[in-house]
Amino acid sequence: MEMAMQTSYGVVSFDPRGPVKNWQRVDKINQHNNRAEPLPHCKEGAPLPVHLIGTGNLQSDIRAKMLAHGIDPDAIRKNGVIGFEVILSASHAFFTDEGGPEPMKRTGAWIGAAIQAAERIWEADRIVAAVLHLDEHTPHIHVFVLGLLLRTNKRRPADGETWTLDARVISGPGQFQRAHDLYAETMQPFGLSRGAERSERKRRPYSDELAKLKRRKDAMDQAIEAAQIAKARFNDLHEAEKARWQEVHREQARIVNEAEAEKRKARGLINRLEVERRRHASVVVKFQAASERSQKTAARATAFRHALRTLHRRSTRERGGGAAAGRARRAICAGGRTRRSIRSQRLAR
């Protein structure tokens, strides 16, 4: 699928500072156009300025043009308009491969057409200088125009027609629109369109583009610096947090180890308690057995005493307390001693 070609425009730009009103500004324009000093926005190794019209000394050319028309350059009233600087150009894409094949050939043809357009707009006699610059982002031509006007002096009509300077010839009502229209007509064969009428858009020098790029670069550098600072802070916080968590993990490990040691101690104590419980249970069993035996012995002793009292009462009632009663008591006592010796032996075992 073919992409629609980008629309390119013919560009006519008047100096936004307004008309030139003093020779100091004329000299500054001449220095800029001649590249008397290196400019940061110019391409290294690009062709030098080409003076299509004029000698390269703008003030000298202006004075010569004025004298040729009978105007004294030094008699211009204070704050009077000397002339105008106009820039002729086109969209940047027109001078590159984006505009089609053979951009150099197309640029050469545009240069000739641009001079023709300037002469058509302001007439050749008013054009003092035309300087071609190919060392910036977009090729362009600086044109210096005088507001020459041939008219009759109303106060001295006998003098006939004389030349004078009148800025309205260049900047009067409708003159800027006329310049745009005639330039667009001349550029039409190149496929260049006229810009929107009364548009607020102005030609932006490449220096402005470089300044804009520099601002973007500075903003990006600041953003990168801020990001690096934020990263450093994050790393510091991360290291601090990492150290804190390591300390927490060490404390947790210490607590776990202590808990394991306590657990082992508890298991040992439980084992010892279990042994003591079993030994105590054995002692309890033996004690219960001995208690049962003691109870049985106490019961037999109680029965023996009861029998003895019974026998004593019986013998007393029968009054036969002689030898038979004595033998009976001795036999009972002997039996008691025998039983006590047997019980003692059992307890000893």
Protein backbone atom coordinates (compact mmCIF):
# COMPACT_ATOMS: atom_id res chain seq x y z
CA MET A 1 0.00 0.00 0.00
CA GLU A 2 1.50 3.34 -1.04
CA MET A 3 1.77 6.06 1.56
CA ALA A 4 0.49 9.51 0.74
CA MET A 5 3.35 11.94 0.06
CA GLN A 6 3.84 14.67 2.59
CA THR A 7 2.61 18.11 1.45
CA SER A 8 5.45 20.61 0.95
CA TYR A 9 4.96 24.37 1.10
CA GLY A 10 6.65 27.40 -0.38
CA VAL A 11 7.81 29.67 2.43
CA VAL A 12 8.10 33.47 2.44
CA SER A 13 9.21 34.91 5.79
CA PHE A 14 9.71 38.56 6.66
CA ASP A 15 12.11 39.31 9.49
CA PRO A 16 9.96 39.20 12.64
CA ARG A 17 11.93 42.13 14.05
CA GLY A 18 10.31 44.36 11.44
CA PRO A 19 11.90 46.68 8.87
CA VAL A 20 15.56 47.67 9.04
CA LYS A 21 15.92 51.23 10.35
CA ASN A 22 19.63 51.71 11.08
CA TRP A 23 23.01 50.88 9.59
CA GLN A 24 24.12 48.89 12.65
CA ARG A 25 21.46 46.31 11.93
CA VAL A 26 22.45 46.33 8.26
CA ASP A 27 26.00 45.41 9.29
CA LYS A 28 24.76 42.62 11.58
CA ILE A 29 22.66 41.19 8.73
CA ASN A 30 25.71 41.32 6.47
CA GLN A 31 27.89 39.53 9.05
CA HIS A 32 25.29 36.81 9.49
CA ASN A 33 24.74 36.31 5.76
CA ASN A 34 28.49 36.22 5.03
CA ARG A 35 29.16 33.85 7.96
CA ALA A 36 31.74 36.26 9.33
CA GLU A 37 31.62 34.25 12.55
CA PRO A 38 31.02 30.50 12.91
CA LEU A 39 27.48 29.62 13.91
CA PRO A 40 26.68 26.57 16.03
CA HIS A 41 23.65 25.59 13.94
CA CYS A 42 25.53 25.46 10.63
CA LYS A 43 26.70 22.16 9.18
CA GLU A 44 30.43 21.60 9.05
CA GLY A 45 31.85 21.21 5.54
CA ALA A 46 28.73 22.70 3.89
CA PRO A 47 29.11 25.12 0.94
CA LEU A 48 29.87 28.75 1.75
CA PRO A 49 27.21 31.45 1.23
CA VAL A 50 26.52 32.19 -2.44
CA HIS A 51 25.82 35.85 -3.35
CA LEU A 52 23.27 35.54 -6.12
CA ILE A 53 22.75 39.32 -6.15
CA GLY A 54 25.09 41.90 -4.62
CA THR A 55 28.78 42.13 -3.85
CA GLY A 56 28.77 40.73 -0.33
CA ASN A 57 28.99 44.18 1.29
CA LEU A 58 25.35 44.93 2.08
CA GLN A 59 25.78 48.50 3.32
CA SER A 60 27.88 49.44 0.33
CA ASP A 61 25.32 47.90 -2.05
CA ILE A 62 22.42 49.72 -0.33
CA ARG A 63 24.22 53.06 -0.49
CA ALA A 64 25.08 52.52 -4.12
CA LYS A 65 21.48 51.61 -4.97
CA MET A 66 20.18 54.73 -3.17
CA LEU A 67 22.69 57.05 -4.84
CA ALA A 68 21.80 55.55 -8.21
CA HIS A 69 18.22 56.63 -7.58
CA GLY A 70 19.14 60.09 -6.34
CA ILE A 71 18.63 59.36 -2.63
CA ASP A 72 21.20 60.49 -0.07
CA PRO A 73 21.84 57.54 2.31
CA ASP A 74 22.93 59.89 5.09
CA ALA A 75 19.84 62.09 4.77
CA ILE A 76 17.38 59.42 5.81
CA ARG A 77 15.27 60.74 8.63
CA LYS A 78 15.69 59.26 12.10
CA ASN A 79 13.73 56.03 12.53
CA GLY A 80 13.17 55.99 8.75
CA VAL A 81 12.92 52.59 7.04
CA ILE A 82 16.00 51.60 5.03
CA GLY A 83 14.65 48.29 3.75
CA PHE A 84 13.37 44.80 4.53
CA GLU A 85 14.99 41.40 4.85
CA VAL A 86 12.93 38.53 3.46
CA ILE A 87 13.70 34.80 3.48
CA LEU A 88 12.58 32.55 0.62
CA SER A 89 12.52 28.82 1.22
CA ALA A 90 10.35 25.69 1.19
CA SER A 91 9.52 22.74 3.40
CA HIS A 92 12.57 20.76 4.46
CA ALA A 93 11.27 17.58 2.82
CA PHE A 94 11.28 19.33 -0.59
CA PHE A 95 15.11 19.49 -0.54
CA THR A 96 15.60 15.85 0.50
CA ASP A 97 14.84 12.43 -0.92
CA GLU A 98 11.39 12.69 0.64
CA GLY A 99 10.49 15.21 -2.08
CA GLY A 100 11.39 12.80 -4.85
CA PRO A 101 14.49 11.72 -6.81
CA GLU A 102 17.44 14.00 -7.62
CA PRO A 103 17.10 16.48 -4.74
CA MET A 104 20.24 18.41 -5.78
CA LYS A 105 18.88 19.01 -9.27
CA ARG A 106 15.53 20.05 -7.80
CA THR A 107 17.27 22.45 -5.41
CA GLY A 108 19.19 24.10 -8.27
CA ALA A 109 15.99 24.64 -10.24
CA TRP A 110 14.32 26.09 -7.14
CA ILE A 111 17.12 28.66 -6.69
CA GLY A 112 16.54 30.11 -10.15
CA ALA A 113 12.77 30.12 -9.67
CA ALA A 114 13.09 31.82 -6.27
CA ILE A 115 15.08 34.73 -7.77
CA GLN A 116 12.48 35.04 -10.52
CA ALA A 117 9.74 35.10 -7.90
CA ALA A 118 11.57 37.84 -5.92
CA GLU A 119 11.94 39.99 -9.05
CA ARG A 120 8.28 39.38 -9.88
CA ILE A 121 7.14 40.35 -6.37
CA TRP A 122 9.34 43.42 -5.74
CA GLU A 123 10.89 44.16 -9.15
CA ALA A 124 14.59 43.68 -9.83
CA ASP A 125 15.44 47.35 -9.26
CA ARG A 126 14.39 47.16 -5.60
CA ILE A 127 16.41 44.04 -4.80
CA VAL A 128 19.81 44.94 -3.35
CA ALA A 129 21.11 41.50 -2.31
CA ALA A 130 20.23 37.83 -2.46
CA VAL A 131 22.37 35.34 -0.50
CA LEU A 132 21.93 31.57 -0.70
CA HIS A 133 22.60 29.48 2.41
CA LEU A 134 23.04 25.73 2.06
CA ASP A 135 24.73 25.15 5.41
CA GLU A 136 21.61 25.12 7.59
CA HIS A 137 18.86 22.58 8.14
CA THR A 138 16.83 23.84 5.15
CA PRO A 139 18.25 25.72 2.12
CA HIS A 140 17.00 29.33 1.91
CA ILE A 141 17.75 32.70 0.32
CA HIS A 142 18.09 36.00 2.21
CA VAL A 143 16.72 38.84 0.05
CA PHE A 144 17.19 42.51 0.98
CA VAL A 145 14.62 44.84 -0.60
CA LEU A 146 14.42 48.64 -0.69
CA GLY A 147 11.08 50.40 -0.67
CA LEU A 148 11.93 52.52 -3.73
CA LEU A 149 9.04 54.53 -5.11
CA LEU A 150 9.01 56.91 -8.12
CA ARG A 151 6.62 59.80 -7.50
CA THR A 152 6.05 63.52 -8.03
CA ASN A 153 6.66 65.89 -5.14
CA LYS A 154 3.37 67.68 -4.50
CA ARG A 155 5.21 70.70 -3.12
CA ARG A 156 7.55 70.96 -6.11
CA PRO A 157 5.75 69.44 -9.06
CA ALA A 158 8.10 71.26 -11.44
CA ASP A 159 10.90 68.96 -10.33
CA GLY A 160 9.13 66.07 -12.00
CA GLU A 161 9.24 62.48 -10.75
CA THR A 162 11.87 61.58 -8.20
CA TRP A 163 12.77 58.44 -6.30
CA THR A 164 12.08 58.16 -2.60
CA LEU A 165 11.93 55.48 0.08
CA ASP A 166 8.43 54.38 1.06
CA ALA A 167 8.02 51.29 3.27
CA ARG A 168 4.41 50.89 2.19
CA VAL A 169 5.65 49.61 -1.18
CA ILE A 170 6.83 46.48 0.67
CA SER A 171 4.67 46.31 3.80
CA GLY A 172 1.57 48.28 2.90
CA PRO A 173 -1.95 46.81 3.05
CA GLY A 174 -2.16 43.52 1.13
CA GLN A 175 1.56 43.51 0.20
CA PHE A 176 2.47 40.52 2.39
CA GLN A 177 -0.44 38.46 1.02
CA ARG A 178 0.56 39.49 -2.53
CA ALA A 179 4.12 38.30 -1.90
CA HIS A 180 2.86 34.92 -0.69
CA ASP A 181 0.48 34.57 -3.66
CA LEU A 182 3.07 35.41 -6.32
CA TYR A 183 5.70 33.18 -4.71
CA ALA A 184 3.20 30.30 -4.55
CA GLU A 185 2.34 30.79 -8.24
CA THR A 186 6.01 30.65 -9.18
CA MET A 187 6.59 27.54 -7.03
CA GLN A 188 3.54 25.70 -8.30
CA PRO A 189 5.49 23.72 -10.97
CA PHE A 190 7.59 22.25 -8.16
CA GLY A 191 4.49 20.95 -6.39
CA LEU A 192 4.85 23.44 -3.53
CA SER A 193 1.62 24.63 -1.96
CA ARG A 194 0.82 28.02 -0.53
CA GLY A 195 0.62 28.19 3.25
CA ALA A 196 -2.67 28.95 4.95
CA GLU A 197 -3.58 32.63 4.66
CA ARG A 198 -3.17 34.65 7.86
CA SER A 199 -1.58 31.64 9.53
CA GLU A 200 0.20 32.34 12.81
CA ARG A 201 2.98 29.93 11.90
CA LYS A 202 6.34 31.54 11.23
CA ARG A 203 9.52 30.29 9.67
CA ARG A 204 11.65 28.83 12.38
CA PRO A 205 15.40 29.12 11.79
CA TYR A 206 17.47 26.02 12.23
CA SER A 207 19.07 27.69 15.23
CA ASP A 208 15.65 27.63 16.88
CA GLU A 209 15.35 23.94 16.06
CA LEU A 210 18.78 23.34 17.59
CA ALA A 211 17.81 25.37 20.65
CA LYS A 212 14.63 23.30 20.93
CA LEU A 213 16.62 20.09 20.60
CA LYS A 214 19.08 21.38 23.20
CA ARG A 215 16.23 22.14 25.57
CA ARG A 216 14.89 18.65 25.03
CA LYS A 217 18.37 17.19 25.57
CA ASP A 218 18.83 19.26 28.73
CA ALA A 219 15.42 18.14 29.96
CA MET A 220 16.32 14.55 29.14
CA ASP A 221 19.69 14.90 30.88
CA GLN A 222 17.92 16.31 33.93
CA ALA A 223 15.43 13.46 33.83
CA ILE A 224 18.29 10.94 33.53
CA GLU A 225 20.13 12.61 36.40
CA ALA A 226 16.97 12.58 38.50
CA ALA A 227 16.44 8.92 37.59
CA GLN A 228 20.03 8.12 38.57
CA ILE A 229 19.59 9.93 41.89
CA ALA A 230 16.33 8.08 42.46
CA LYS A 231 18.05 4.82 41.54
CA ALA A 232 20.90 5.56 43.96
CA ARG A 233 18.39 6.34 46.70
CA PHE A 234 16.49 3.17 45.88
CA ASN A 235 19.71 1.16 45.99
CA ASP A 236 20.57 2.70 49.36
CA LEU A 237 17.09 1.91 50.67
CA HIS A 238 17.31 -1.54 49.15
CA GLU A 239 20.67 -2.20 50.81
CA ALA A 240 19.36 -0.89 54.13
CA GLU A 241 16.23 -3.01 53.81
CA LYS A 242 18.34 -5.99 52.77
CA ALA A 243 20.59 -5.52 55.81
CA ARG A 244 17.52 -5.20 58.03
CA TRP A 245 16.00 -8.40 56.66
CA GLN A 246 19.33 -10.20 57.05
CA GLU A 247 19.37 -9.13 60.68
CA VAL A 248 15.77 -10.29 61.04
CA HIS A 249 16.67 -13.65 59.46
CA ARG A 250 19.67 -14.01 61.79
CA GLU A 251 17.44 -13.24 64.78
CA GLN A 252 14.85 -15.73 63.54
CA ALA A 253 17.57 -18.37 63.09
CA ARG A 254 18.83 -17.67 66.63
CA ILE A 255 15.32 -17.98 68.03
CA VAL A 256 14.75 -21.22 66.10
CA ASN A 257 18.04 -22.66 67.36
CA GLU A 258 17.18 -21.69 70.92
CA ALA A 259 13.73 -23.22 70.48
CA GLU A 260 15.29 -26.44 69.17
CA ALA A 261 17.67 -26.54 72.14
CA GLU A 262 14.77 -25.96 74.54
CA LYS A 263 12.84 -28.64 72.70
CA ARG A 264 15.70 -31.10 73.12
CA LYS A 265 15.95 -30.19 76.81
CA ALA A 266 12.19 -30.68 77.19
CA ARG A 267 12.40 -34.08 75.49
CA GLY A 268 15.21 -35.13 77.86
CA LEU A 269 13.20 -33.93 80.86
CA ILE A 270 10.13 -35.77 79.60
CA ASN A 271 12.15 -38.94 79.22
CA ARG A 272 13.54 -38.57 82.76
CA LEU A 273 10.04 -37.86 84.10
CA GLU A 274 8.75 -40.95 82.32
CA VAL A 275 11.46 -43.07 83.97
CA GLU A 276 10.64 -41.53 87.36
CA ARG A 277 6.93 -42.09 86.74
CA ARG A 278 7.50 -45.75 85.97
CA ARG A 279 9.76 -46.18 89.02
CA HIS A 280 7.19 -44.35 91.16
CA ALA A 281 4.43 -46.53 89.78
CA SER A 282 6.48 -49.62 90.72
CA VAL A 283 7.01 -48.24 94.22
CA VAL A 284 3.30 -47.50 94.50
CA VAL A 285 2.47 -51.04 93.45
CA LYS A 286 4.91 -52.44 96.04
CA PHE A 287 3.53 -50.04 98.66
CA GLN A 288 -0.01 -51.13 97.86
CA ALA A 289 1.02 -54.78 98.14
CA ALA A 290 2.75 -54.11 101.48
CA SER A 291 -0.28 -52.15 102.66
CA GLU A 292 -2.55 -55.01 101.76
CA ARG A 293 -0.29 -57.43 103.65
CA SER A 294 -0.17 -55.03 106.61
CA GLN A 295 -3.94 -54.82 106.65
CA LYS A 296 -4.22 -58.60 106.56
CA THR A 297 -1.69 -58.88 109.40
CA ALA A 298 -3.52 -56.21 111.39
CA ALA A 299 -6.77 -58.12 110.86
CA ARG A 300 -5.20 -61.37 112.06
CA ALA A 301 -3.70 -59.58 115.10
CA THR A 302 -7.08 -58.09 115.89
CA ALA A 303 -8.66 -61.57 115.59
CA PHE A 304 -5.90 -63.00 117.78
CA ARG A 305 -6.45 -60.43 120.51
CA HIS A 306 -10.17 -60.97 120.34
CA ALA A 307 -9.68 -64.73 120.69
CA LEU A 308 -7.32 -64.16 123.58
CA ARG A 309 -9.80 -61.98 125.44
CA THR A 310 -12.54 -64.43 124.73
CA LEU A 311 -10.42 -67.28 126.07
CA HIS A 312 -9.49 -65.26 129.15
CA ARG A 313 -13.10 -64.46 129.93
CA ARG A 314 -14.08 -68.01 129.38
CA SER A 315 -11.36 -69.32 131.69
CA THR A 316 -12.28 -66.82 134.33
CA ARG A 317 -15.92 -67.87 134.23
CA GLU A 318 -15.11 -71.49 134.52
CA ARG A 319 -12.71 -70.72 137.35
CA GLY A 320 -10.60 -73.35 136.15
CA GLY A 321 -7.71 -71.03 135.98
CA GLY A 322 -5.22 -73.69 137.05
CA ALA A 323 -2.72 -75.55 134.98
CA ALA A 324 -5.10 -76.16 132.10
CA ALA A 325 -5.77 -72.48 131.71
CA GLY A 326 -2.07 -71.70 131.91
CA ARG A 327 -1.28 -74.26 129.24
CA ALA A 328 -3.96 -72.90 127.03
CA ARG A 329 -2.61 -69.34 127.37
CA ARG A 330 0.91 -70.50 126.69
CA ALA A 331 -0.19 -72.42 123.65
CA ILE A 332 -2.03 -69.38 122.34
CA CYS A 333 0.92 -67.13 123.02
CA ALA A 334 3.31 -69.56 121.37
CA GLY A 335 1.08 -69.66 118.34
CA GLY A 336 1.02 -65.84 118.30
CA ARG A 337 4.81 -65.67 118.48
CA THR A 338 5.11 -68.13 115.64
CA ARG A 339 2.75 -66.11 113.49
CA ARG A 340 4.61 -62.85 114.27
CA SER A 341 7.94 -64.43 113.29
CA ILE A 342 6.47 -65.62 109.99
CA ARG A 343 5.00 -62.11 109.26
CA SER A 344 8.38 -60.48 110.07
CA GLN A 345 10.13 -62.79 107.65
CA ARG A 346 7.68 -61.95 104.91
CA LEU A 347 8.07 -58.18 105.42
CA ALA A 348 11.83 -58.61 105.34
CA ARG A 349 11.58 -60.33 102.02
